[in-house]
């Protein structure tokens, strides 16, 4: 049965083989590599001015390379310091605004830390903050998807169930599923055909089959321990069963973005695309 929506493969950021480190050059290099998409990395801050954004948008429009955005790492919507929450809110909004201007379809970020408090309390706080962010974006007629990411440590807000619940409660919010983070967060689980089936089944049951055709996903090899994620690895140097995941994604006709966050971002993106094509 044909895939209704294509599964797109690309790197998290400008490919290492790009002649320059600019986002514009990165998009052109992704096209040369015959990949499909790229995640624009604002992880150190949203520092793209209007002139650069215009060039990036032109590269996107010319090449047809689809884009997502990763917001800054310095986001915590559940800080006890109101200034940190306010700054976090601004970073998400800035990411969404610039992202929309360059043609990105979604923006992802790590939403919060538990700080030793009950998960349900943190959930309500994150929900309230995201509700305010969505309200502002709707006033600005900005339809970009807001996608909090599944996180790699149990101390971080961002379990699969939490993000599915947020997506049910809020319009314009859907999860970004980082399969490697789920694997690390659980100290080695979520790494088999049955477990991948369970993840997709949860998404479909709660958010509908349409959600599976518009996914935003991350993947890399990953080192982990009892406290969760340690650091990213090359896919072939990790225990992550990426071929099994790709088989499951194809079986369920999953579409959207699969972004490689491995240390060799474009090489593992190409590995994933080649492997998927042969299934």
C-alpha atoms as a PDB file:
ATOM      1  CA  UNK A   1       0.000   0.000   0.000  1.00  0.00           C
ATOM      2  CA  UNK A   2       1.502   3.415  -0.941  1.00  0.00           C
ATOM      3  CA  UNK A   3       2.460   5.983   1.675  1.00  0.00           C
ATOM      4  CA  UNK A   4      -0.254   8.673   1.739  1.00  0.00           C
ATOM      5  CA  UNK A   5       2.148  11.322   3.034  1.00  0.00           C
ATOM      6  CA  UNK A   6       5.891  11.097   2.435  1.00  0.00           C
ATOM      7  CA  UNK A   7       8.363  10.460   5.221  1.00  0.00           C
ATOM      8  CA  UNK A   8      11.052  13.118   4.888  1.00  0.00           C
ATOM      9  CA  UNK A   9      14.663  12.647   5.989  1.00  0.00           C
ATOM     10  CA  UNK A  10      17.129  15.362   6.895  1.00  0.00           C
ATOM     11  CA  UNK A  11      19.754  16.670   9.318  1.00  0.00           C
ATOM     12  CA  UNK A  12      19.450  18.682  12.511  1.00  0.00           C
ATOM     13  CA  UNK A  13      21.212  21.790  11.269  1.00  0.00           C
ATOM     14  CA  UNK A  14      23.512  22.696   8.397  1.00  0.00           C
ATOM     15  CA  UNK A  15      25.309  19.570   7.095  1.00  0.00           C
ATOM     16  CA  UNK A  16      28.949  19.259   8.114  1.00  0.00           C
ATOM     17  CA  UNK A  17      29.902  19.009   4.430  1.00  0.00           C
ATOM     18  CA  UNK A  18      28.309  22.355   3.598  1.00  0.00           C
ATOM     19  CA  UNK A  19      30.799  24.881   2.110  1.00  0.00           C
ATOM     20  CA  UNK A  20      29.752  27.432   4.760  1.00  0.00           C
ATOM     21  CA  UNK A  21      27.863  27.194   8.049  1.00  0.00           C
ATOM     22  CA  UNK A  22      24.979  29.456   7.014  1.00  0.00           C
ATOM     23  CA  UNK A  23      21.439  28.131   7.088  1.00  0.00           C
ATOM     24  CA  UNK A  24      20.960  29.152   3.465  1.00  0.00           C
ATOM     25  CA  UNK A  25      24.023  27.143   2.403  1.00  0.00           C
ATOM     26  CA  UNK A  26      22.808  24.250   4.533  1.00  0.00           C
ATOM     27  CA  UNK A  27      19.504  24.076   2.671  1.00  0.00           C
ATOM     28  CA  UNK A  28      21.282  24.086  -0.687  1.00  0.00           C
ATOM     29  CA  UNK A  29      23.619  21.323   0.534  1.00  0.00           C
ATOM     30  CA  UNK A  30      20.687  19.219   1.764  1.00  0.00           C
ATOM     31  CA  UNK A  31      19.268  19.455  -1.761  1.00  0.00           C
ATOM     32  CA  UNK A  32      22.596  18.345  -3.263  1.00  0.00           C
ATOM     33  CA  UNK A  33      22.663  15.372  -0.898  1.00  0.00           C
ATOM     34  CA  UNK A  34      19.174  14.400  -2.128  1.00  0.00           C
ATOM     35  CA  UNK A  35      17.738  14.625   1.353  1.00  0.00           C
ATOM     36  CA  UNK A  36      14.284  16.096   1.910  1.00  0.00           C
ATOM     37  CA  UNK A  37      14.269  18.453   4.872  1.00  0.00           C
ATOM     38  CA  UNK A  38      16.374  20.260   7.447  1.00  0.00           C
ATOM     39  CA  UNK A  39      15.871  21.364  11.024  1.00  0.00           C
ATOM     40  CA  UNK A  40      17.047  24.937  11.588  1.00  0.00           C
ATOM     41  CA  UNK A  41      18.865  25.028  14.909  1.00  0.00           C
ATOM     42  CA  UNK A  42      18.201  28.014  17.166  1.00  0.00           C
ATOM     43  CA  UNK A  43      19.537  26.056  20.142  1.00  0.00           C
ATOM     44  CA  UNK A  44      21.969  28.801  21.237  1.00  0.00           C
ATOM     45  CA  UNK A  45      19.422  31.558  20.662  1.00  0.00           C
ATOM     46  CA  UNK A  46      17.190  33.001  17.951  1.00  0.00           C
ATOM     47  CA  UNK A  47      19.711  35.186  16.155  1.00  0.00           C
ATOM     48  CA  UNK A  48      18.415  35.278  12.601  1.00  0.00           C
ATOM     49  CA  UNK A  49      17.624  38.786  11.402  1.00  0.00           C
ATOM     50  CA  UNK A  50      15.057  39.714   8.718  1.00  0.00           C
ATOM     51  CA  UNK A  51      17.627  39.946   5.909  1.00  0.00           C
ATOM     52  CA  UNK A  52      19.009  36.474   6.617  1.00  0.00           C
ATOM     53  CA  UNK A  53      15.493  35.109   7.056  1.00  0.00           C
ATOM     54  CA  UNK A  54      14.610  36.354   3.576  1.00  0.00           C
ATOM     55  CA  UNK A  55      17.591  34.497   2.097  1.00  0.00           C
ATOM     56  CA  UNK A  56      16.670  31.325   3.975  1.00  0.00           C
ATOM     57  CA  UNK A  57      13.070  31.595   2.801  1.00  0.00           C
ATOM     58  CA  UNK A  58      14.268  32.031  -0.783  1.00  0.00           C
ATOM     59  CA  UNK A  59      16.451  28.912  -0.494  1.00  0.00           C
ATOM     60  CA  UNK A  60      13.490  26.995   0.931  1.00  0.00           C
ATOM     61  CA  UNK A  61      11.178  28.169  -1.850  1.00  0.00           C
ATOM     62  CA  UNK A  62      13.728  27.462  -4.604  1.00  0.00           C
ATOM     63  CA  UNK A  63      14.785  23.993  -3.477  1.00  0.00           C
ATOM     64  CA  UNK A  64      11.550  22.669  -2.018  1.00  0.00           C
ATOM     65  CA  UNK A  65      13.477  21.488   1.047  1.00  0.00           C
ATOM     66  CA  UNK A  66      10.995  21.365   3.925  1.00  0.00           C
ATOM     67  CA  UNK A  67      11.965  22.971   7.236  1.00  0.00           C
ATOM     68  CA  UNK A  68      11.429  22.597  10.955  1.00  0.00           C
ATOM     69  CA  UNK A  69      12.936  24.612  13.803  1.00  0.00           C
ATOM     70  CA  UNK A  70      14.520  23.621  17.119  1.00  0.00           C
ATOM     71  CA  UNK A  71      14.145  26.349  19.737  1.00  0.00           C
ATOM     72  CA  UNK A  72      16.806  27.362  22.271  1.00  0.00           C
ATOM     73  CA  UNK A  73      17.998  24.942  24.926  1.00  0.00           C
ATOM     74  CA  UNK A  74      17.484  27.616  27.592  1.00  0.00           C
ATOM     75  CA  UNK A  75      13.749  27.044  27.990  1.00  0.00           C
ATOM     76  CA  UNK A  76      11.992  26.143  31.228  1.00  0.00           C
ATOM     77  CA  UNK A  77       8.280  26.864  31.471  1.00  0.00           C
ATOM     78  CA  UNK A  78       8.255  25.669  35.088  1.00  0.00           C
ATOM     79  CA  UNK A  79      10.956  27.723  36.757  1.00  0.00           C
ATOM     80  CA  UNK A  80      10.433  29.194  40.218  1.00  0.00           C
ATOM     81  CA  UNK A  81      11.928  32.380  38.788  1.00  0.00           C
ATOM     82  CA  UNK A  82       9.215  34.273  36.853  1.00  0.00           C
ATOM     83  CA  UNK A  83      11.908  35.959  34.740  1.00  0.00           C
ATOM     84  CA  UNK A  84      13.070  32.559  33.437  1.00  0.00           C
ATOM     85  CA  UNK A  85       9.501  31.618  32.509  1.00  0.00           C
ATOM     86  CA  UNK A  86       9.031  34.963  30.778  1.00  0.00           C
ATOM     87  CA  UNK A  87      12.310  34.559  28.867  1.00  0.00           C
ATOM     88  CA  UNK A  88      11.345  30.993  27.931  1.00  0.00           C
ATOM     89  CA  UNK A  89       8.004  32.151  26.606  1.00  0.00           C
ATOM     90  CA  UNK A  90       9.769  34.783  24.485  1.00  0.00           C
ATOM     91  CA  UNK A  91      12.253  32.255  23.114  1.00  0.00           C
ATOM     92  CA  UNK A  92       9.436  29.983  21.959  1.00  0.00           C
ATOM     93  CA  UNK A  93       7.558  32.892  20.384  1.00  0.00           C
ATOM     94  CA  UNK A  94      10.712  34.184  18.675  1.00  0.00           C
ATOM     95  CA  UNK A  95      11.425  30.691  17.322  1.00  0.00           C
ATOM     96  CA  UNK A  96       7.859  30.393  16.032  1.00  0.00           C
ATOM     97  CA  UNK A  97       7.909  33.834  14.426  1.00  0.00           C
ATOM     98  CA  UNK A  98      11.212  33.446  12.631  1.00  0.00           C
ATOM     99  CA  UNK A  99      10.357  29.837  11.829  1.00  0.00           C
ATOM    100  CA  UNK A 100       7.125  30.832  10.144  1.00  0.00           C
ATOM    101  CA  UNK A 101       8.878  33.612   8.206  1.00  0.00           C
ATOM    102  CA  UNK A 102      11.345  31.137   6.665  1.00  0.00           C
ATOM    103  CA  UNK A 103       8.675  28.566   5.824  1.00  0.00           C
ATOM    104  CA  UNK A 104       9.191  26.128   8.702  1.00  0.00           C
ATOM    105  CA  UNK A 105       6.207  23.954   9.528  1.00  0.00           C
ATOM    106  CA  UNK A 106       6.854  23.289  13.205  1.00  0.00           C
ATOM    107  CA  UNK A 107       9.029  24.368  16.121  1.00  0.00           C
ATOM    108  CA  UNK A 108      10.217  21.989  18.823  1.00  0.00           C
ATOM    109  CA  UNK A 109      11.865  22.543  22.205  1.00  0.00           C
ATOM    110  CA  UNK A 110      12.433  20.953  25.617  1.00  0.00           C
ATOM    111  CA  UNK A 111       9.600  22.437  27.656  1.00  0.00           C
ATOM    112  CA  UNK A 112      10.467  22.182  31.362  1.00  0.00           C
ATOM    113  CA  UNK A 113      12.030  20.442  34.362  1.00  0.00           C
ATOM    114  CA  UNK A 114      10.100  18.892  37.250  1.00  0.00           C
ATOM    115  CA  UNK A 115      12.371  20.478  39.893  1.00  0.00           C
ATOM    116  CA  UNK A 116      11.292  17.765  42.310  1.00  0.00           C
ATOM    117  CA  UNK A 117       7.599  18.672  42.085  1.00  0.00           C
ATOM    118  CA  UNK A 118       4.694  16.415  41.141  1.00  0.00           C
ATOM    119  CA  UNK A 119       4.380  15.845  37.371  1.00  0.00           C
ATOM    120  CA  UNK A 120       0.714  16.889  37.348  1.00  0.00           C
ATOM    121  CA  UNK A 121       1.590  20.287  38.837  1.00  0.00           C
ATOM    122  CA  UNK A 122       4.286  20.807  36.206  1.00  0.00           C
ATOM    123  CA  UNK A 123       1.873  19.677  33.487  1.00  0.00           C
ATOM    124  CA  UNK A 124      -0.704  22.301  34.459  1.00  0.00           C
ATOM    125  CA  UNK A 125       1.915  25.028  34.475  1.00  0.00           C
ATOM    126  CA  UNK A 126       3.300  24.057  31.057  1.00  0.00           C
ATOM    127  CA  UNK A 127      -0.228  23.792  29.674  1.00  0.00           C
ATOM    128  CA  UNK A 128      -1.078  27.292  30.903  1.00  0.00           C
ATOM    129  CA  UNK A 129       2.083  28.785  29.390  1.00  0.00           C
ATOM    130  CA  UNK A 130       1.585  27.058  26.039  1.00  0.00           C
ATOM    131  CA  UNK A 131      -2.037  28.179  26.004  1.00  0.00           C
ATOM    132  CA  UNK A 132      -0.837  31.782  26.259  1.00  0.00           C
ATOM    133  CA  UNK A 133       1.745  31.263  23.528  1.00  0.00           C
ATOM    134  CA  UNK A 134      -0.836  29.765  21.161  1.00  0.00           C
ATOM    135  CA  UNK A 135      -3.211  32.648  21.875  1.00  0.00           C
ATOM    136  CA  UNK A 136      -0.547  35.157  20.806  1.00  0.00           C
ATOM    137  CA  UNK A 137       0.373  33.194  17.668  1.00  0.00           C
ATOM    138  CA  UNK A 138      -3.272  32.975  16.651  1.00  0.00           C
ATOM    139  CA  UNK A 139      -3.638  36.728  17.066  1.00  0.00           C
ATOM    140  CA  UNK A 140      -0.618  37.082  14.771  1.00  0.00           C
ATOM    141  CA  UNK A 141      -2.135  34.586  12.303  1.00  0.00           C
ATOM    142  CA  UNK A 142       0.871  32.308  12.705  1.00  0.00           C
ATOM    143  CA  UNK A 143      -0.201  28.666  12.186  1.00  0.00           C
ATOM    144  CA  UNK A 144       3.186  27.010  12.868  1.00  0.00           C
ATOM    145  CA  UNK A 145       2.887  23.829  14.923  1.00  0.00           C
ATOM    146  CA  UNK A 146       4.184  24.042  18.485  1.00  0.00           C
ATOM    147  CA  UNK A 147       5.783  20.693  19.310  1.00  0.00           C
ATOM    148  CA  UNK A 148       7.264  20.084  22.765  1.00  0.00           C
ATOM    149  CA  UNK A 149       9.780  17.256  22.522  1.00  0.00           C
ATOM    150  CA  UNK A 150       9.997  13.981  24.401  1.00  0.00           C
ATOM    151  CA  UNK A 151      13.017  14.348  26.669  1.00  0.00           C
ATOM    152  CA  UNK A 152      15.896  12.031  27.530  1.00  0.00           C
ATOM    153  CA  UNK A 153      16.025  12.286  31.338  1.00  0.00           C
ATOM    154  CA  UNK A 154      13.398  11.411  33.965  1.00  0.00           C
ATOM    155  CA  UNK A 155      14.046  14.793  35.632  1.00  0.00           C
ATOM    156  CA  UNK A 156      12.753  16.588  32.524  1.00  0.00           C
ATOM    157  CA  UNK A 157       9.123  17.180  31.686  1.00  0.00           C
ATOM    158  CA  UNK A 158       8.364  15.436  28.413  1.00  0.00           C
ATOM    159  CA  UNK A 159       7.174  11.856  28.652  1.00  0.00           C
ATOM    160  CA  UNK A 160       5.205  10.550  25.683  1.00  0.00           C
ATOM    161  CA  UNK A 161       1.974  10.473  27.699  1.00  0.00           C
ATOM    162  CA  UNK A 162       2.465  14.054  28.902  1.00  0.00           C
ATOM    163  CA  UNK A 163       2.951  15.386  25.394  1.00  0.00           C
ATOM    164  CA  UNK A 164       0.013  13.425  24.002  1.00  0.00           C
ATOM    165  CA  UNK A 165      -2.169  14.851  26.787  1.00  0.00           C
ATOM    166  CA  UNK A 166      -0.991  18.391  26.022  1.00  0.00           C
ATOM    167  CA  UNK A 167      -1.798  17.842  22.354  1.00  0.00           C
ATOM    168  CA  UNK A 168      -5.314  16.699  23.210  1.00  0.00           C
ATOM    169  CA  UNK A 169      -5.904  19.750  25.374  1.00  0.00           C
ATOM    170  CA  UNK A 170      -4.419  22.463  23.143  1.00  0.00           C
ATOM    171  CA  UNK A 171      -4.970  23.480  19.540  1.00  0.00           C
ATOM    172  CA  UNK A 172      -1.865  23.940  17.360  1.00  0.00           C
ATOM    173  CA  UNK A 173       0.151  21.681  19.700  1.00  0.00           C
ATOM    174  CA  UNK A 174       1.450  18.241  18.759  1.00  0.00           C
ATOM    175  CA  UNK A 175       4.346  16.147  20.105  1.00  0.00           C
ATOM    176  CA  UNK A 176       7.830  15.954  18.677  1.00  0.00           C
ATOM    177  CA  UNK A 177       8.785  12.336  19.309  1.00  0.00           C
ATOM    178  CA  UNK A 178      12.477  11.762  19.866  1.00  0.00           C
ATOM    179  CA  UNK A 179      12.708   7.976  19.831  1.00  0.00           C
ATOM    180  CA  UNK A 180      16.268   8.036  21.146  1.00  0.00           C
ATOM    181  CA  UNK A 181      15.190  10.162  24.102  1.00  0.00           C
ATOM    182  CA  UNK A 182      12.391   7.730  24.948  1.00  0.00           C
ATOM    183  CA  UNK A 183      14.922   4.905  24.795  1.00  0.00           C
ATOM    184  CA  UNK A 184      17.364   6.728  27.094  1.00  0.00           C
ATOM    185  CA  UNK A 185      14.712   8.091  29.469  1.00  0.00           C
ATOM    186  CA  UNK A 186      13.577   4.533  30.179  1.00  0.00           C
ATOM    187  CA  UNK A 187      17.151   3.197  30.516  1.00  0.00           C
ATOM    188  CA  UNK A 188      16.899   0.916  27.494  1.00  0.00           C
ATOM    189  CA  UNK A 189      13.213   0.329  26.790  1.00  0.00           C
ATOM    190  CA  UNK A 190      11.236   1.520  23.737  1.00  0.00           C
ATOM    191  CA  UNK A 191      13.560  -0.269  21.334  1.00  0.00           C
ATOM    192  CA  UNK A 192      11.609  -3.139  19.816  1.00  0.00           C
ATOM    193  CA  UNK A 193       8.921  -3.677  17.201  1.00  0.00           C
ATOM    194  CA  UNK A 194       6.229  -4.172  19.858  1.00  0.00           C
ATOM    195  CA  UNK A 195       7.283  -1.015  21.703  1.00  0.00           C
ATOM    196  CA  UNK A 196       7.420   1.078  18.530  1.00  0.00           C
ATOM    197  CA  UNK A 197       3.950  -0.235  17.706  1.00  0.00           C
ATOM    198  CA  UNK A 198       2.800   0.862  21.154  1.00  0.00           C
ATOM    199  CA  UNK A 199       4.160   4.395  20.668  1.00  0.00           C
ATOM    200  CA  UNK A 200       2.406   4.834  17.319  1.00  0.00           C
ATOM    201  CA  UNK A 201      -0.739   3.226  18.688  1.00  0.00           C
ATOM    202  CA  UNK A 202      -0.887   5.735  21.535  1.00  0.00           C
ATOM    203  CA  UNK A 203      -0.519   8.636  19.119  1.00  0.00           C
ATOM    204  CA  UNK A 204      -3.185   7.322  16.752  1.00  0.00           C
ATOM    205  CA  UNK A 205      -5.660   6.479  19.510  1.00  0.00           C
ATOM    206  CA  UNK A 206      -5.379   9.870  21.203  1.00  0.00           C
ATOM    207  CA  UNK A 207      -4.747  12.205  18.274  1.00  0.00           C
ATOM    208  CA  UNK A 208      -6.139  10.377  15.268  1.00  0.00           C
ATOM    209  CA  UNK A 209      -4.626   8.714  12.224  1.00  0.00           C
ATOM    210  CA  UNK A 210      -3.958  12.133  10.694  1.00  0.00           C
ATOM    211  CA  UNK A 211      -1.366  12.726  13.410  1.00  0.00           C
ATOM    212  CA  UNK A 212       0.675   9.809  12.056  1.00  0.00           C
ATOM    213  CA  UNK A 213       0.845  11.407   8.617  1.00  0.00           C
ATOM    214  CA  UNK A 214       2.228  14.676   9.989  1.00  0.00           C
ATOM    215  CA  UNK A 215       4.843  13.590  12.520  1.00  0.00           C
ATOM    216  CA  UNK A 216       7.904  15.484  13.702  1.00  0.00           C
ATOM    217  CA  UNK A 217      10.494  12.964  14.908  1.00  0.00           C
ATOM    218  CA  UNK A 218      14.124  12.923  16.014  1.00  0.00           C
ATOM    219  CA  UNK A 219      16.522   9.993  15.909  1.00  0.00           C
ATOM    220  CA  UNK A 220      20.168   9.268  16.698  1.00  0.00           C
ATOM    221  CA  UNK A 221      22.246   6.732  18.478  1.00  0.00           C
ATOM    222  CA  UNK A 222      22.359   7.476  22.184  1.00  0.00           C
ATOM    223  CA  UNK A 223      24.356   6.636  25.303  1.00  0.00           C
ATOM    224  CA  UNK A 224      22.351   6.374  28.520  1.00  0.00           C
ATOM    225  CA  UNK A 225      22.249   5.068  32.060  1.00  0.00           C
ATOM    226  CA  UNK A 226      19.975   5.007  35.092  1.00  0.00           C
ATOM    227  CA  UNK A 227      19.668   8.797  34.954  1.00  0.00           C
ATOM    228  CA  UNK A 228      18.762   8.743  31.282  1.00  0.00           C
ATOM    229  CA  UNK A 229      20.495  10.410  28.346  1.00  0.00           C
ATOM    230  CA  UNK A 230      24.257  10.949  28.402  1.00  0.00           C
ATOM    231  CA  UNK A 231      25.116  11.946  24.830  1.00  0.00           C
ATOM    232  CA  UNK A 232      24.312  11.189  21.197  1.00  0.00           C
ATOM    233  CA  UNK A 233      26.104   8.472  19.217  1.00  0.00           C
ATOM    234  CA  UNK A 234      26.311   7.353  15.608  1.00  0.00           C
ATOM    235  CA  UNK A 235      23.423   5.023  14.831  1.00  0.00           C
ATOM    236  CA  UNK A 236      25.709   2.111  13.954  1.00  0.00           C
ATOM    237  CA  UNK A 237      27.673   2.569  17.194  1.00  0.00           C
ATOM    238  CA  UNK A 238      24.569   2.401  19.391  1.00  0.00           C
ATOM    239  CA  UNK A 239      22.095  -0.251  20.474  1.00  0.00           C
ATOM    240  CA  UNK A 240      19.137   1.572  18.928  1.00  0.00           C
ATOM    241  CA  UNK A 241      17.166  -0.663  16.556  1.00  0.00           C
ATOM    242  CA  UNK A 242      16.712   1.925  13.837  1.00  0.00           C
ATOM    243  CA  UNK A 243      15.915  -0.589  11.089  1.00  0.00           C
ATOM    244  CA  UNK A 244      13.073  -2.004  13.159  1.00  0.00           C
ATOM    245  CA  UNK A 245      11.759   1.501  13.799  1.00  0.00           C
ATOM    246  CA  UNK A 246      11.842   2.291  10.079  1.00  0.00           C
ATOM    247  CA  UNK A 247       9.972  -0.920   9.315  1.00  0.00           C
ATOM    248  CA  UNK A 248       7.300   0.059  11.839  1.00  0.00           C
ATOM    249  CA  UNK A 249       7.011   3.587  10.464  1.00  0.00           C
ATOM    250  CA  UNK A 250       6.583   2.244   6.927  1.00  0.00           C
ATOM    251  CA  UNK A 251       4.050  -0.354   8.036  1.00  0.00           C
ATOM    252  CA  UNK A 252       1.876   2.361   9.586  1.00  0.00           C
ATOM    253  CA  UNK A 253       2.334   4.793   6.678  1.00  0.00           C
ATOM    254  CA  UNK A 254       3.862   7.409   8.969  1.00  0.00           C
ATOM    255  CA  UNK A 255       4.640  10.690   7.214  1.00  0.00           C
ATOM    256  CA  UNK A 256       6.295  13.932   8.220  1.00  0.00           C
ATOM    257  CA  UNK A 257       9.838  14.678   9.345  1.00  0.00           C
ATOM    258  CA  UNK A 258      12.512  12.292  10.607  1.00  0.00           C
ATOM    259  CA  UNK A 259      15.454  14.423  11.690  1.00  0.00           C
ATOM    260  CA  UNK A 260      18.894  12.934  12.300  1.00  0.00           C
ATOM    261  CA  UNK A 261      20.583  14.265  15.438  1.00  0.00           C
ATOM    262  CA  UNK A 262      23.574  11.926  15.281  1.00  0.00           C
ATOM    263  CA  UNK A 263      27.082  13.443  15.502  1.00  0.00           C
ATOM    264  CA  UNK A 264      27.356  12.914  11.702  1.00  0.00           C
ATOM    265  CA  UNK A 265      23.961  14.471  11.027  1.00  0.00           C
ATOM    266  CA  UNK A 266      23.833  14.128   7.237  1.00  0.00           C
ATOM    267  CA  UNK A 267      25.484  10.686   7.025  1.00  0.00           C
ATOM    268  CA  UNK A 268      22.958   9.128   9.385  1.00  0.00           C
ATOM    269  CA  UNK A 269      20.122  10.982   7.637  1.00  0.00           C
ATOM    270  CA  UNK A 270      21.284   9.369   4.390  1.00  0.00           C
ATOM    271  CA  UNK A 271      21.626   5.997   6.130  1.00  0.00           C
ATOM    272  CA  UNK A 272      18.050   6.267   7.368  1.00  0.00           C
ATOM    273  CA  UNK A 273      16.709   7.274   3.958  1.00  0.00           C
ATOM    274  CA  UNK A 274      18.576   4.482   2.124  1.00  0.00           C
ATOM    275  CA  UNK A 275      17.479   1.890   4.676  1.00  0.00           C
ATOM    276  CA  UNK A 276      13.856   3.044   4.554  1.00  0.00           C
ATOM    277  CA  UNK A 277      13.808   2.965   0.736  1.00  0.00           C
ATOM    278  CA  UNK A 278      14.972  -0.658   0.697  1.00  0.00           C
ATOM    279  CA  UNK A 279      12.259  -1.878   3.096  1.00  0.00           C
END
